[in-house]
Amino acid sequence: MKKGAKRKASQKKESETAQDKQQEESKKATSRAKRVKASVPESEPEYFEDKRNLEDLWKAVFPVGTEWDQLDAVYQFKWNFSNLEDAFEEGGKLHGKKVYLFGCTEPQLVSFKGESKIICIPVVVAVVSPFPPSDKIGVNSVQREAEEIIPMKQMKMDWVPYIPLENRGSQVESLHSQIFILSCTQRRAALKHLKIDRLKKYEYCLPYFYQPFKEDELEQSTEVQIIFPSETKPIFCEFDWELDELEEFTDKLIQEEELAEDQKDAFKEFVKEKVREAKKANREAREARKKALEEMSEDTKAAFENMRFYKFYPVQTPDSPDVSNVKAPFINRYYGKAHEVL
């Protein structure tokens, strides 16, 4: 064989050998890649629990009378109000009815995960009524000399329709909502600009309700709250004009060194004036109730007589404290007791 032919044969053989090596390396790499790929476990499919239609209802209701700096503490637990949601289902106490909801909080000593502490428990009150139970708010506290009944809108509160999750994309007007919640549009960020007195009003607010068929506690009461501006410190006491004798009452305060001797006459005049104001308020309240009843239509009377109040506490779950032992029927001084506690 010629030398040139040998070189060509040798080059051809070397080229084939190089190609074989490349193919073999490529197969090994592919095999390694497959092994690596096979070693990665397939991720488990994620499942997200469907949101319930009224799941955020209790959170949408403003907790009236709760201190602003306590609001975050109210929502620190994953409270469950499925009992409230179930009440709107077929067969439930609120199904198919027009309902007005307002919230409040009750500080109670409860146990959670082996630890006992004071916790602000959220509560929702449902009022079954064809019309809003009230458009007013009561403001009262020990520090205030007189109770105030003011329009809700003055405190930026109002009854607004609640839209269930499945209807959030619809126009409010077309829904013919049967659920209304007490809402507050006061922004927390703007609280620092409010005067202290107005800020405190929010903490002393109570949803007001006027029952024309039931004599108000104020109409029956013969007690007056006395806050006498003494020179040393204010005198806080209660005077009952039917049970207490003013002269004896005043002398006792002097004996207990609550009142100075030289302020005796001024104190007595102060108490007399408060008694006159209270009697006048009681008389006007009775007259107003009588007039309201005379002018009330039969349908409205029937509506008031058929109003029902339901008080909902959160149900027990592993994520929240058990409140079953602290449930109480009393709502507030205006509403009295609930017809049923759930």
C-alpha atoms as a PDB file:
ATOM      1  CA  MET A   1       0.000   0.000   0.000  1.00  0.00           C
ATOM      2  CA  LYS A   2       1.182   3.447  -0.812  1.00  0.00           C
ATOM      3  CA  LYS A   3       2.172   5.801   2.016  1.00  0.00           C
ATOM      4  CA  GLY A   4      -0.502   8.332   1.084  1.00  0.00           C
ATOM      5  CA  ALA A   5      -3.188   5.668   1.252  1.00  0.00           C
ATOM      6  CA  LYS A   6      -1.938   4.532   4.673  1.00  0.00           C
ATOM      7  CA  ARG A   7      -2.124   8.095   6.016  1.00  0.00           C
ATOM      8  CA  LYS A   8      -5.679   8.477   4.751  1.00  0.00           C
ATOM      9  CA  ALA A   9      -6.734   5.180   6.303  1.00  0.00           C
ATOM     10  CA  SER A  10      -5.086   6.142   9.565  1.00  0.00           C
ATOM     11  CA  GLN A  11      -6.791   9.574   9.614  1.00  0.00           C
ATOM     12  CA  LYS A  12     -10.128   7.954   8.842  1.00  0.00           C
ATOM     13  CA  LYS A  13      -9.670   5.484  11.688  1.00  0.00           C
ATOM     14  CA  GLU A  14      -8.705   8.254  14.120  1.00  0.00           C
ATOM     15  CA  SER A  15     -11.737  10.318  13.041  1.00  0.00           C
ATOM     16  CA  GLU A  16     -14.059   7.329  13.586  1.00  0.00           C
ATOM     17  CA  THR A  17     -12.475   6.674  16.991  1.00  0.00           C
ATOM     18  CA  ALA A  18     -13.005  10.362  18.029  1.00  0.00           C
ATOM     19  CA  GLN A  19     -16.632  10.251  16.882  1.00  0.00           C
ATOM     20  CA  ASP A  20     -17.202   7.033  18.825  1.00  0.00           C
ATOM     21  CA  LYS A  21     -15.737   8.662  21.943  1.00  0.00           C
ATOM     22  CA  GLN A  22     -17.971  11.749  21.532  1.00  0.00           C
ATOM     23  CA  GLN A  23     -21.053   9.554  21.098  1.00  0.00           C
ATOM     24  CA  GLU A  24     -20.124   7.502  24.147  1.00  0.00           C
ATOM     25  CA  GLU A  25     -19.551  10.666  26.280  1.00  0.00           C
ATOM     26  CA  SER A  26     -22.861  12.085  25.037  1.00  0.00           C
ATOM     27  CA  LYS A  27     -24.681   8.893  26.060  1.00  0.00           C
ATOM     28  CA  LYS A  28     -23.060   8.979  29.513  1.00  0.00           C
ATOM     29  CA  ALA A  29     -24.035  12.626  30.009  1.00  0.00           C
ATOM     30  CA  THR A  30     -27.594  11.898  28.926  1.00  0.00           C
ATOM     31  CA  SER A  31     -27.709   8.915  31.257  1.00  0.00           C
ATOM     32  CA  ARG A  32     -26.400  11.052  34.154  1.00  0.00           C
ATOM     33  CA  ALA A  33     -28.946  13.771  33.396  1.00  0.00           C
ATOM     34  CA  LYS A  34     -31.727  11.196  33.403  1.00  0.00           C
ATOM     35  CA  ARG A  35     -30.506   9.787  36.702  1.00  0.00           C
ATOM     36  CA  VAL A  36     -30.342  13.283  38.232  1.00  0.00           C
ATOM     37  CA  LYS A  37     -33.760  14.140  36.880  1.00  0.00           C
ATOM     38  CA  ALA A  38     -35.192  10.904  38.177  1.00  0.00           C
ATOM     39  CA  SER A  39     -33.754  11.564  41.628  1.00  0.00           C
ATOM     40  CA  VAL A  40     -35.818  14.783  42.037  1.00  0.00           C
ATOM     41  CA  PRO A  41     -39.101  13.813  43.708  1.00  0.00           C
ATOM     42  CA  GLU A  42     -42.289  15.152  42.186  1.00  0.00           C
ATOM     43  CA  SER A  43     -43.833  17.964  44.290  1.00  0.00           C
ATOM     44  CA  GLU A  44     -47.117  17.209  46.020  1.00  0.00           C
ATOM     45  CA  PRO A  45     -50.092  19.103  44.545  1.00  0.00           C
ATOM     46  CA  GLU A  46     -51.184  21.998  46.752  1.00  0.00           C
ATOM     47  CA  TYR A  47     -54.782  22.194  47.906  1.00  0.00           C
ATOM     48  CA  PHE A  48     -56.318  25.481  49.057  1.00  0.00           C
ATOM     49  CA  GLU A  49     -59.434  25.391  51.193  1.00  0.00           C
ATOM     50  CA  ASP A  50     -62.319  27.212  49.555  1.00  0.00           C
ATOM     51  CA  LYS A  51     -63.337  30.388  51.352  1.00  0.00           C
ATOM     52  CA  ARG A  52     -66.758  30.286  52.911  1.00  0.00           C
ATOM     53  CA  ASN A  53     -69.312  32.722  51.524  1.00  0.00           C
ATOM     54  CA  LEU A  54     -69.734  34.653  54.810  1.00  0.00           C
ATOM     55  CA  GLU A  55     -66.289  33.897  56.244  1.00  0.00           C
ATOM     56  CA  ASP A  56     -65.288  37.545  56.759  1.00  0.00           C
ATOM     57  CA  LEU A  57     -68.700  38.722  57.986  1.00  0.00           C
ATOM     58  CA  TRP A  58     -67.719  38.997  61.664  1.00  0.00           C
ATOM     59  CA  LYS A  59     -64.562  40.953  60.771  1.00  0.00           C
ATOM     60  CA  ALA A  60     -66.547  43.375  58.611  1.00  0.00           C
ATOM     61  CA  VAL A  61     -68.709  44.357  61.605  1.00  0.00           C
ATOM     62  CA  PHE A  62     -67.247  47.291  63.581  1.00  0.00           C
ATOM     63  CA  PRO A  63     -66.635  46.426  67.282  1.00  0.00           C
ATOM     64  CA  VAL A  64     -68.355  49.424  68.872  1.00  0.00           C
ATOM     65  CA  GLY A  65     -66.886  50.746  72.123  1.00  0.00           C
ATOM     66  CA  THR A  66     -63.540  48.959  71.766  1.00  0.00           C
ATOM     67  CA  GLU A  67     -60.465  51.034  72.518  1.00  0.00           C
ATOM     68  CA  TRP A  68     -58.523  51.787  69.353  1.00  0.00           C
ATOM     69  CA  ASP A  69     -55.259  50.390  70.751  1.00  0.00           C
ATOM     70  CA  GLN A  70     -57.028  47.109  71.560  1.00  0.00           C
ATOM     71  CA  LEU A  71     -58.287  46.408  68.029  1.00  0.00           C
ATOM     72  CA  ASP A  72     -55.169  44.512  66.969  1.00  0.00           C
ATOM     73  CA  ALA A  73     -55.414  42.362  70.101  1.00  0.00           C
ATOM     74  CA  VAL A  74     -58.971  41.379  69.123  1.00  0.00           C
ATOM     75  CA  TYR A  75     -57.727  39.884  65.849  1.00  0.00           C
ATOM     76  CA  GLN A  76     -54.641  38.126  67.255  1.00  0.00           C
ATOM     77  CA  PHE A  77     -56.532  34.826  67.312  1.00  0.00           C
ATOM     78  CA  LYS A  78     -58.130  32.976  64.421  1.00  0.00           C
ATOM     79  CA  TRP A  79     -61.683  33.316  65.757  1.00  0.00           C
ATOM     80  CA  ASN A  80     -64.332  31.206  64.081  1.00  0.00           C
ATOM     81  CA  PHE A  81     -67.931  32.426  63.703  1.00  0.00           C
ATOM     82  CA  SER A  82     -69.238  29.504  61.649  1.00  0.00           C
ATOM     83  CA  ASN A  83     -72.276  29.505  63.965  1.00  0.00           C
ATOM     84  CA  LEU A  84     -73.154  32.978  62.653  1.00  0.00           C
ATOM     85  CA  GLU A  85     -72.647  31.826  59.070  1.00  0.00           C
ATOM     86  CA  ASP A  86     -74.798  28.740  59.624  1.00  0.00           C
ATOM     87  CA  ALA A  87     -77.613  30.914  61.021  1.00  0.00           C
ATOM     88  CA  PHE A  88     -78.070  32.398  57.522  1.00  0.00           C
ATOM     89  CA  GLU A  89     -78.313  28.975  55.887  1.00  0.00           C
ATOM     90  CA  GLU A  90     -81.627  27.239  55.210  1.00  0.00           C
ATOM     91  CA  GLY A  91     -83.138  26.187  58.514  1.00  0.00           C
ATOM     92  CA  GLY A  92     -81.054  28.738  60.435  1.00  0.00           C
ATOM     93  CA  LYS A  93     -82.514  31.396  62.715  1.00  0.00           C
ATOM     94  CA  LEU A  94     -81.556  34.246  60.366  1.00  0.00           C
ATOM     95  CA  HIS A  95     -82.332  32.570  57.039  1.00  0.00           C
ATOM     96  CA  GLY A  96     -84.365  34.741  54.671  1.00  0.00           C
ATOM     97  CA  LYS A  97     -84.680  37.593  57.171  1.00  0.00           C
ATOM     98  CA  LYS A  98     -83.491  41.182  57.129  1.00  0.00           C
ATOM     99  CA  VAL A  99     -80.735  41.382  59.718  1.00  0.00           C
ATOM    100  CA  TYR A 100     -78.681  44.233  61.207  1.00  0.00           C
ATOM    101  CA  LEU A 101     -75.365  43.297  62.809  1.00  0.00           C
ATOM    102  CA  PHE A 102     -73.128  45.206  65.187  1.00  0.00           C
ATOM    103  CA  GLY A 103     -70.048  44.084  67.071  1.00  0.00           C
ATOM    104  CA  CYS A 104     -68.582  44.627  70.525  1.00  0.00           C
ATOM    105  CA  THR A 105     -65.872  43.107  72.694  1.00  0.00           C
ATOM    106  CA  GLU A 106     -65.951  41.597  76.164  1.00  0.00           C
ATOM    107  CA  PRO A 107     -62.714  41.427  78.199  1.00  0.00           C
ATOM    108  CA  GLN A 108     -62.765  38.069  79.998  1.00  0.00           C
ATOM    109  CA  LEU A 109     -60.316  35.846  81.870  1.00  0.00           C
ATOM    110  CA  VAL A 110     -60.003  32.695  79.749  1.00  0.00           C
ATOM    111  CA  SER A 111     -57.490  29.895  79.331  1.00  0.00           C
ATOM    112  CA  PHE A 112     -55.588  29.197  76.124  1.00  0.00           C
ATOM    113  CA  LYS A 113     -52.837  26.600  75.735  1.00  0.00           C
ATOM    114  CA  GLY A 114     -52.471  26.253  79.481  1.00  0.00           C
ATOM    115  CA  GLU A 115     -52.221  29.965  80.179  1.00  0.00           C
ATOM    116  CA  SER A 116     -54.954  32.126  81.761  1.00  0.00           C
ATOM    117  CA  LYS A 117     -55.164  35.775  80.767  1.00  0.00           C
ATOM    118  CA  ILE A 118     -57.559  38.636  80.039  1.00  0.00           C
ATOM    119  CA  ILE A 119     -58.594  38.532  76.394  1.00  0.00           C
ATOM    120  CA  CYS A 120     -60.902  40.818  74.388  1.00  0.00           C
ATOM    121  CA  ILE A 121     -63.481  38.399  73.026  1.00  0.00           C
ATOM    122  CA  PRO A 122     -65.281  39.567  69.864  1.00  0.00           C
ATOM    123  CA  VAL A 123     -69.078  39.288  69.948  1.00  0.00           C
ATOM    124  CA  VAL A 124     -71.605  39.859  67.156  1.00  0.00           C
ATOM    125  CA  VAL A 125     -75.208  40.899  67.861  1.00  0.00           C
ATOM    126  CA  ALA A 126     -77.815  40.206  65.192  1.00  0.00           C
ATOM    127  CA  VAL A 127     -81.046  42.221  65.203  1.00  0.00           C
ATOM    128  CA  VAL A 128     -83.873  40.797  63.100  1.00  0.00           C
ATOM    129  CA  SER A 129     -85.878  43.807  61.961  1.00  0.00           C
ATOM    130  CA  PRO A 130     -87.500  45.192  58.786  1.00  0.00           C
ATOM    131  CA  PHE A 131     -85.804  48.560  59.449  1.00  0.00           C
ATOM    132  CA  PRO A 132     -82.601  49.746  61.199  1.00  0.00           C
ATOM    133  CA  PRO A 133     -82.949  49.319  64.970  1.00  0.00           C
ATOM    134  CA  SER A 134     -81.508  52.801  65.498  1.00  0.00           C
ATOM    135  CA  ASP A 135     -79.655  55.646  63.810  1.00  0.00           C
ATOM    136  CA  LYS A 136     -78.135  56.831  67.104  1.00  0.00           C
ATOM    137  CA  ILE A 137     -75.238  55.972  69.408  1.00  0.00           C
ATOM    138  CA  GLY A 138     -75.172  56.289  73.191  1.00  0.00           C
ATOM    139  CA  VAL A 139     -72.031  57.745  74.783  1.00  0.00           C
ATOM    140  CA  ASN A 140     -71.605  57.225  78.495  1.00  0.00           C
ATOM    141  CA  SER A 141     -68.865  56.658  81.073  1.00  0.00           C
ATOM    142  CA  VAL A 142     -68.208  57.130  84.765  1.00  0.00           C
ATOM    143  CA  GLN A 143     -66.197  60.251  83.976  1.00  0.00           C
ATOM    144  CA  ARG A 144     -68.996  61.927  82.041  1.00  0.00           C
ATOM    145  CA  GLU A 145     -71.568  63.928  83.961  1.00  0.00           C
ATOM    146  CA  ALA A 146     -74.377  63.187  81.520  1.00  0.00           C
ATOM    147  CA  GLU A 147     -75.188  60.538  78.971  1.00  0.00           C
ATOM    148  CA  GLU A 148     -75.221  61.611  75.321  1.00  0.00           C
ATOM    149  CA  ILE A 149     -77.436  60.197  72.590  1.00  0.00           C
ATOM    150  CA  ILE A 150     -76.004  61.359  69.275  1.00  0.00           C
ATOM    151  CA  PRO A 151     -76.517  60.520  65.573  1.00  0.00           C
ATOM    152  CA  MET A 152     -74.380  57.630  64.343  1.00  0.00           C
ATOM    153  CA  LYS A 153     -73.072  59.700  61.464  1.00  0.00           C
ATOM    154  CA  GLN A 154     -71.562  62.144  63.934  1.00  0.00           C
ATOM    155  CA  MET A 155     -69.202  59.309  64.891  1.00  0.00           C
ATOM    156  CA  LYS A 156     -68.739  58.302  61.225  1.00  0.00           C
ATOM    157  CA  MET A 157     -70.865  55.179  61.712  1.00  0.00           C
ATOM    158  CA  ASP A 158     -73.725  53.892  59.589  1.00  0.00           C
ATOM    159  CA  TRP A 159     -75.573  50.740  58.530  1.00  0.00           C
ATOM    160  CA  VAL A 160     -74.201  49.499  55.194  1.00  0.00           C
ATOM    161  CA  PRO A 161     -75.049  46.415  53.086  1.00  0.00           C
ATOM    162  CA  TYR A 162     -72.768  43.409  53.517  1.00  0.00           C
ATOM    163  CA  ILE A 163     -71.866  41.702  50.253  1.00  0.00           C
ATOM    164  CA  PRO A 164     -71.138  37.939  50.458  1.00  0.00           C
ATOM    165  CA  LEU A 165     -67.951  36.726  48.746  1.00  0.00           C
ATOM    166  CA  GLU A 166     -69.779  35.102  45.826  1.00  0.00           C
ATOM    167  CA  ASN A 167     -71.468  38.430  44.995  1.00  0.00           C
ATOM    168  CA  ARG A 168     -68.465  40.757  45.318  1.00  0.00           C
ATOM    169  CA  GLY A 169     -68.394  41.381  41.580  1.00  0.00           C
ATOM    170  CA  SER A 170     -72.037  42.494  41.390  1.00  0.00           C
ATOM    171  CA  GLN A 171     -73.542  45.947  41.725  1.00  0.00           C
ATOM    172  CA  VAL A 172     -74.726  46.624  45.275  1.00  0.00           C
ATOM    173  CA  GLU A 173     -78.045  48.041  44.069  1.00  0.00           C
ATOM    174  CA  SER A 174     -78.952  44.850  42.244  1.00  0.00           C
ATOM    175  CA  LEU A 175     -78.346  42.526  45.196  1.00  0.00           C
ATOM    176  CA  HIS A 176     -81.321  43.521  47.385  1.00  0.00           C
ATOM    177  CA  SER A 177     -79.151  42.812  50.417  1.00  0.00           C
ATOM    178  CA  GLN A 178     -80.747  41.331  53.528  1.00  0.00           C
ATOM    179  CA  ILE A 179     -77.641  41.697  55.705  1.00  0.00           C
ATOM    180  CA  PHE A 180     -76.585  45.113  57.000  1.00  0.00           C
ATOM    181  CA  ILE A 181     -73.584  45.788  59.212  1.00  0.00           C
ATOM    182  CA  LEU A 182     -72.637  48.695  61.436  1.00  0.00           C
ATOM    183  CA  SER A 183     -69.568  50.215  59.800  1.00  0.00           C
ATOM    184  CA  CYS A 184     -67.177  52.977  60.872  1.00  0.00           C
ATOM    185  CA  THR A 185     -65.209  55.046  58.364  1.00  0.00           C
ATOM    186  CA  GLN A 186     -62.942  56.728  60.921  1.00  0.00           C
ATOM    187  CA  ARG A 187     -59.384  56.044  59.748  1.00  0.00           C
ATOM    188  CA  ARG A 188     -57.015  54.850  62.454  1.00  0.00           C
ATOM    189  CA  ALA A 189     -54.176  56.778  60.826  1.00  0.00           C
ATOM    190  CA  ALA A 190     -56.051  60.021  61.493  1.00  0.00           C
ATOM    191  CA  LEU A 191     -56.641  59.354  65.206  1.00  0.00           C
ATOM    192  CA  LYS A 192     -53.569  61.344  66.239  1.00  0.00           C
ATOM    193  CA  HIS A 193     -55.247  64.466  64.877  1.00  0.00           C
ATOM    194  CA  LEU A 194     -58.397  64.023  66.991  1.00  0.00           C
ATOM    195  CA  LYS A 195     -58.941  65.823  70.255  1.00  0.00           C
ATOM    196  CA  ILE A 196     -58.751  63.605  73.349  1.00  0.00           C
ATOM    197  CA  ASP A 197     -62.433  64.103  74.197  1.00  0.00           C
ATOM    198  CA  ARG A 198     -63.587  62.972  70.760  1.00  0.00           C
ATOM    199  CA  LEU A 199     -61.133  60.078  70.762  1.00  0.00           C
ATOM    200  CA  LYS A 200     -62.500  58.877  74.110  1.00  0.00           C
ATOM    201  CA  LYS A 201     -66.066  59.061  72.789  1.00  0.00           C
ATOM    202  CA  TYR A 202     -65.343  56.056  70.570  1.00  0.00           C
ATOM    203  CA  GLU A 203     -64.359  54.023  73.624  1.00  0.00           C
ATOM    204  CA  TYR A 204     -67.611  54.863  75.447  1.00  0.00           C
ATOM    205  CA  CYS A 205     -69.961  54.260  72.511  1.00  0.00           C
ATOM    206  CA  LEU A 206     -72.841  51.814  72.822  1.00  0.00           C
ATOM    207  CA  PRO A 207     -75.281  50.929  70.035  1.00  0.00           C
ATOM    208  CA  TYR A 208     -78.462  52.726  71.071  1.00  0.00           C
ATOM    209  CA  PHE A 209     -81.895  51.128  70.921  1.00  0.00           C
ATOM    210  CA  TYR A 210     -85.208  52.673  71.902  1.00  0.00           C
ATOM    211  CA  GLN A 211     -87.970  50.231  72.795  1.00  0.00           C
ATOM    212  CA  PRO A 212     -91.230  52.238  72.833  1.00  0.00           C
ATOM    213  CA  PHE A 213     -93.180  49.502  74.648  1.00  0.00           C
ATOM    214  CA  LYS A 214     -90.708  49.189  77.490  1.00  0.00           C
ATOM    215  CA  GLU A 215     -90.203  51.908  80.041  1.00  0.00           C
ATOM    216  CA  ASP A 216     -86.604  53.044  79.897  1.00  0.00           C
ATOM    217  CA  GLU A 217     -84.351  52.492  82.908  1.00  0.00           C
ATOM    218  CA  LEU A 218     -83.777  56.229  83.020  1.00  0.00           C
ATOM    219  CA  GLU A 219     -87.506  56.858  83.347  1.00  0.00           C
ATOM    220  CA  GLN A 220     -87.688  54.540  86.338  1.00  0.00           C
ATOM    221  CA  SER A 221     -84.440  55.580  87.999  1.00  0.00           C
ATOM    222  CA  THR A 222     -84.454  57.862  91.032  1.00  0.00           C
ATOM    223  CA  GLU A 223     -80.657  58.036  91.177  1.00  0.00           C
ATOM    224  CA  VAL A 224     -78.397  60.809  89.931  1.00  0.00           C
ATOM    225  CA  GLN A 225     -74.674  60.650  89.303  1.00  0.00           C
ATOM    226  CA  ILE A 226     -72.918  63.392  91.262  1.00  0.00           C
ATOM    227  CA  ILE A 227     -69.522  64.740  90.224  1.00  0.00           C
ATOM    228  CA  PHE A 228     -69.011  67.719  92.501  1.00  0.00           C
ATOM    229  CA  PRO A 229     -66.015  69.935  91.553  1.00  0.00           C
ATOM    230  CA  SER A 230     -64.420  70.208  94.984  1.00  0.00           C
ATOM    231  CA  GLU A 231     -61.331  72.386  95.588  1.00  0.00           C
ATOM    232  CA  THR A 232     -59.107  69.448  96.533  1.00  0.00           C
ATOM    233  CA  LYS A 233     -60.486  66.603  94.394  1.00  0.00           C
ATOM    234  CA  PRO A 234     -63.812  65.914  92.623  1.00  0.00           C
ATOM    235  CA  ILE A 235     -66.448  64.065  94.669  1.00  0.00           C
ATOM    236  CA  PHE A 236     -68.003  61.091  92.898  1.00  0.00           C
ATOM    237  CA  CYS A 237     -71.192  59.649  94.391  1.00  0.00           C
ATOM    238  CA  GLU A 238     -74.762  58.561  93.662  1.00  0.00           C
ATOM    239  CA  PHE A 239     -77.767  60.206  95.281  1.00  0.00           C
ATOM    240  CA  ASP A 240     -81.205  58.569  95.348  1.00  0.00           C
ATOM    241  CA  TRP A 241     -83.874  61.222  95.894  1.00  0.00           C
ATOM    242  CA  GLU A 242     -86.365  58.638  97.180  1.00  0.00           C
ATOM    243  CA  LEU A 243     -84.071  56.735  99.541  1.00  0.00           C
ATOM    244  CA  ASP A 244     -81.517  59.335 100.644  1.00  0.00           C
ATOM    245  CA  GLU A 245     -82.116  62.366 102.853  1.00  0.00           C
ATOM    246  CA  LEU A 246     -79.931  65.200 101.564  1.00  0.00           C
ATOM    247  CA  GLU A 247     -78.920  66.627 104.965  1.00  0.00           C
ATOM    248  CA  GLU A 248     -77.822  63.228 106.303  1.00  0.00           C
ATOM    249  CA  PHE A 249     -76.143  62.343 103.008  1.00  0.00           C
ATOM    250  CA  THR A 250     -74.090  65.558 103.101  1.00  0.00           C
ATOM    251  CA  ASP A 251     -73.145  65.218 106.777  1.00  0.00           C
ATOM    252  CA  LYS A 252     -71.865  61.706 106.147  1.00  0.00           C
ATOM    253  CA  LEU A 253     -69.563  62.946 103.396  1.00  0.00           C
ATOM    254  CA  ILE A 254     -68.196  65.582 105.784  1.00  0.00           C
ATOM    255  CA  GLN A 255     -67.634  62.942 108.488  1.00  0.00           C
ATOM    256  CA  GLU A 256     -65.755  60.765 106.009  1.00  0.00           C
ATOM    257  CA  GLU A 257     -63.652  63.823 105.090  1.00  0.00           C
ATOM    258  CA  GLU A 258     -64.774  63.628 101.482  1.00  0.00           C
ATOM    259  CA  LEU A 259     -66.384  67.066 101.660  1.00  0.00           C
ATOM    260  CA  ALA A 260     -65.159  70.198 103.428  1.00  0.00           C
ATOM    261  CA  GLU A 261     -67.520  71.799 105.989  1.00  0.00           C
ATOM    262  CA  ASP A 262     -67.469  75.157 104.207  1.00  0.00           C
ATOM    263  CA  GLN A 263     -68.687  73.501 100.973  1.00  0.00           C
ATOM    264  CA  LYS A 264     -71.778  71.928 102.531  1.00  0.00           C
ATOM    265  CA  ASP A 265     -74.331  74.454 101.224  1.00  0.00           C
ATOM    266  CA  ALA A 266     -72.783  74.548  97.761  1.00  0.00           C
ATOM    267  CA  PHE A 267     -72.852  70.770  97.586  1.00  0.00           C
ATOM    268  CA  LYS A 268     -76.506  70.589  98.630  1.00  0.00           C
ATOM    269  CA  GLU A 269     -77.521  73.135  95.981  1.00  0.00           C
ATOM    270  CA  PHE A 270     -75.499  71.204  93.394  1.00  0.00           C
ATOM    271  CA  VAL A 271     -77.316  67.955  94.241  1.00  0.00           C
ATOM    272  CA  LYS A 272     -80.743  69.654  94.184  1.00  0.00           C
ATOM    273  CA  GLU A 273     -80.029  71.008  90.706  1.00  0.00           C
ATOM    274  CA  LYS A 274     -78.985  67.561  89.451  1.00  0.00           C
ATOM    275  CA  VAL A 275     -82.159  66.037  90.895  1.00  0.00           C
ATOM    276  CA  ARG A 276     -84.310  68.692  89.152  1.00  0.00           C
ATOM    277  CA  GLU A 277     -82.541  67.973  85.841  1.00  0.00           C
ATOM    278  CA  ALA A 278     -83.028  64.205  86.220  1.00  0.00           C
ATOM    279  CA  LYS A 279     -86.722  64.508  87.072  1.00  0.00           C
ATOM    280  CA  LYS A 280     -87.236  66.781  84.082  1.00  0.00           C
ATOM    281  CA  ALA A 281     -85.412  64.328  81.788  1.00  0.00           C
ATOM    282  CA  ASN A 282     -87.525  61.426  83.106  1.00  0.00           C
ATOM    283  CA  ARG A 283     -90.737  63.367  82.553  1.00  0.00           C
ATOM    284  CA  GLU A 284     -89.752  64.379  79.015  1.00  0.00           C
ATOM    285  CA  ALA A 285     -88.763  60.791  78.191  1.00  0.00           C
ATOM    286  CA  ARG A 286     -92.157  59.476  79.320  1.00  0.00           C
ATOM    287  CA  GLU A 287     -93.978  62.130  77.316  1.00  0.00           C
ATOM    288  CA  ALA A 288     -91.875  61.453  74.220  1.00  0.00           C
ATOM    289  CA  ARG A 289     -92.523  57.712  74.457  1.00  0.00           C
ATOM    290  CA  LYS A 290     -96.255  58.276  74.877  1.00  0.00           C
ATOM    291  CA  LYS A 291     -96.346  60.588  71.863  1.00  0.00           C
ATOM    292  CA  ALA A 292     -94.296  58.179  69.749  1.00  0.00           C
ATOM    293  CA  LEU A 293     -96.713  55.354  70.517  1.00  0.00           C
ATOM    294  CA  GLU A 294     -99.730  57.480  69.625  1.00  0.00           C
ATOM    295  CA  GLU A 295     -98.224  58.415  66.253  1.00  0.00           C
ATOM    296  CA  MET A 296     -96.859  54.956  65.439  1.00  0.00           C
ATOM    297  CA  SER A 297     -98.497  52.897  62.698  1.00  0.00           C
ATOM    298  CA  GLU A 298     -99.731  49.388  63.422  1.00  0.00           C
ATOM    299  CA  ASP A 299     -97.078  47.905  61.094  1.00  0.00           C
ATOM    300  CA  THR A 300     -94.306  49.685  62.987  1.00  0.00           C
ATOM    301  CA  LYS A 301     -95.723  48.561  66.318  1.00  0.00           C
ATOM    302  CA  ALA A 302     -95.781  44.980  65.056  1.00  0.00           C
ATOM    303  CA  ALA A 303     -92.187  45.319  63.839  1.00  0.00           C
ATOM    304  CA  PHE A 304     -90.995  46.472  67.268  1.00  0.00           C
ATOM    305  CA  GLU A 305     -92.894  43.683  68.994  1.00  0.00           C
ATOM    306  CA  ASN A 306     -91.386  41.055  66.670  1.00  0.00           C
ATOM    307  CA  MET A 307     -87.777  42.276  66.820  1.00  0.00           C
ATOM    308  CA  ARG A 308     -85.364  39.586  67.954  1.00  0.00           C
ATOM    309  CA  PHE A 309     -81.811  39.934  69.280  1.00  0.00           C
ATOM    310  CA  TYR A 310     -79.281  37.107  68.895  1.00  0.00           C
ATOM    311  CA  LYS A 311     -75.841  37.231  70.478  1.00  0.00           C
ATOM    312  CA  PHE A 312     -73.074  35.227  68.794  1.00  0.00           C
ATOM    313  CA  TYR A 313     -69.814  34.185  70.432  1.00  0.00           C
ATOM    314  CA  PRO A 314     -66.962  32.499  68.508  1.00  0.00           C
ATOM    315  CA  VAL A 315     -67.048  28.694  68.441  1.00  0.00           C
ATOM    316  CA  GLN A 316     -64.263  26.666  70.004  1.00  0.00           C
ATOM    317  CA  THR A 317     -61.306  25.746  67.768  1.00  0.00           C
ATOM    318  CA  PRO A 318     -57.675  24.718  68.415  1.00  0.00           C
ATOM    319  CA  ASP A 319     -56.603  28.189  67.196  1.00  0.00           C
ATOM    320  CA  SER A 320     -58.634  30.239  69.705  1.00  0.00           C
ATOM    321  CA  PRO A 321     -59.552  30.282  73.404  1.00  0.00           C
ATOM    322  CA  ASP A 322     -62.612  28.423  74.655  1.00  0.00           C
ATOM    323  CA  VAL A 323     -65.222  31.050  75.626  1.00  0.00           C
ATOM    324  CA  SER A 324     -68.115  28.690  76.399  1.00  0.00           C
ATOM    325  CA  ASN A 325     -67.907  29.402  80.152  1.00  0.00           C
ATOM    326  CA  VAL A 326     -68.070  33.198  79.849  1.00  0.00           C
ATOM    327  CA  LYS A 327     -71.099  33.597  77.584  1.00  0.00           C
ATOM    328  CA  ALA A 328     -73.705  36.045  78.875  1.00  0.00           C
ATOM    329  CA  PRO A 329     -77.120  37.112  77.501  1.00  0.00           C
ATOM    330  CA  PHE A 330     -76.731  40.800  78.442  1.00  0.00           C
ATOM    331  CA  ILE A 331     -75.962  43.017  75.412  1.00  0.00           C
ATOM    332  CA  ASN A 332     -75.888  46.543  76.828  1.00  0.00           C
ATOM    333  CA  ARG A 333     -78.060  48.905  78.900  1.00  0.00           C
ATOM    334  CA  TYR A 334     -80.145  49.904  75.855  1.00  0.00           C
ATOM    335  CA  TYR A 335     -80.770  46.481  74.334  1.00  0.00           C
ATOM    336  CA  GLY A 336     -80.958  44.558  77.593  1.00  0.00           C
ATOM    337  CA  LYS A 337     -80.764  40.778  77.190  1.00  0.00           C
ATOM    338  CA  ALA A 338     -80.579  38.824  73.951  1.00  0.00           C
ATOM    339  CA  HIS A 339     -83.452  36.485  73.117  1.00  0.00           C
ATOM    340  CA  GLU A 340     -80.851  33.786  72.504  1.00  0.00           C
ATOM    341  CA  VAL A 341     -77.089  33.339  72.973  1.00  0.00           C
ATOM    342  CA  LEU A 342     -75.265  31.212  70.391  1.00  0.00           C
END
